[in-house]
Amino acid sequence: MYIGKREFDTDNRCYIVGILNVTPDSFSDGGKWVAPGAALRHAESMINDGADIIEVGGESTRPGHTPIAEQEETDRTAPLIEALHARFEVPLSIDTCKGAVAGAGVRAGAELVNDVRGLKYDAEMAGVVARAGVACCLMHNRENIDYTDFLSDMLGDLRASAEIALSAGIAADKIILDPGIGFAKTYEMNLEAINRLDRIRELGYPVLLGASRKSVIGLTLDLPVNERLEGSLAAAVVGVMRGCSFLRVHDVRETKRAVVMAEAILGR
C-alpha cells in the first residue's frame, strides 16, 4: 500500500510508527513533547532510530481522559504536522476521531488518519478521508464489553468499520485495521487480541498493533508504565509472527531492532 509517496510492503514487512503525543495527559508521555522544539527534536530522534511513520496525537485517549474541543486539538496538531512536513520526508499520521481535526491535519501534510473509533464516532470522518485520498487506520472500539463471542464480535466490528470506509469511497488499499489493545476489552481479551492478529489479517487488510507500554503489559509484569519496555518488545515480536504490518510504539530504536531480528528468523 502507499501512504503518501512511500510504498509499504505490508505482506512481507513490519514497519514502525513512532508516537508523538502533544498532550499534557497521555498515559505514558503526557507533557513531554508539548513544546514545539521538543516535539521536533523527538520526531527527528525517532526518525534516526528507524521510524517509518510519525504519528501526531493531540488528545489523550487513556481511560478517564478529559475530552477537548476540536479547535484546541487542531491547534495542538496541525501546526506541528506542518512543521514536520517541511523538515522531514517520512509519512505523517494524525491520530484523531474527529473529522475537522483530521481534515486540518491532512491539509497540513498528514497522509494517514488513525481513527481510534473506527469511523463510528464522527459521521464526517469517512468522507474527509475519502475526499483527501489518504490512508486510514481503523481501530476496534465500542462502548461496552458485552460480547457474545469476543473474537468473532471484534472481527465483526472491524469488518463494519471497513464497510463504512468502502461505502464512503475509501479505496480498499488505503485501509489498515487495529485490534485496539486497551479499548473496550478485559485483560484476557487484550491478550487474545494480540495472539490472534492473524485472524484480523484474514479480513484482507494490513494490521497495526499498538500495545506499547499499555496496561495489559503492566498487569502481566506488575510494572509501572516507565518499566514496560521488555513487555512491549515481546508483544511486538508476537505481532510480527502473527503477520502484523505496523507497530505503533514509544521506543522506536529498541522495537526496530527486535523487528529486524524477528524478520530475519522468519526469513522475511
Foldseek 3Di string as FASTA:
>chain_A
DDQPNDDAPLQQAAAEEAEQELAQDAQFQHPQQVDLVSSLVLVVVLVVLGHQEYEYEHFHPAPPGDDDDLVNRLVRALVSLLVCVVPDDHAYEYEEQDQVSRLSNVVSGHQEYEHQQLCPPYVCNLLSCQVSLGAYEGEFADDALPDPDLVVVLLVSNVVSVVSNVVSRHDQQRYEYEDNQPHRDDLVSSVVCLQQVLVSVVVPHAYEYEPELDVSQCVVVVDHSVPRPVVLLVSLLSNVVSSHHYYYYNDNNVNVVSRVVSSVVVVD
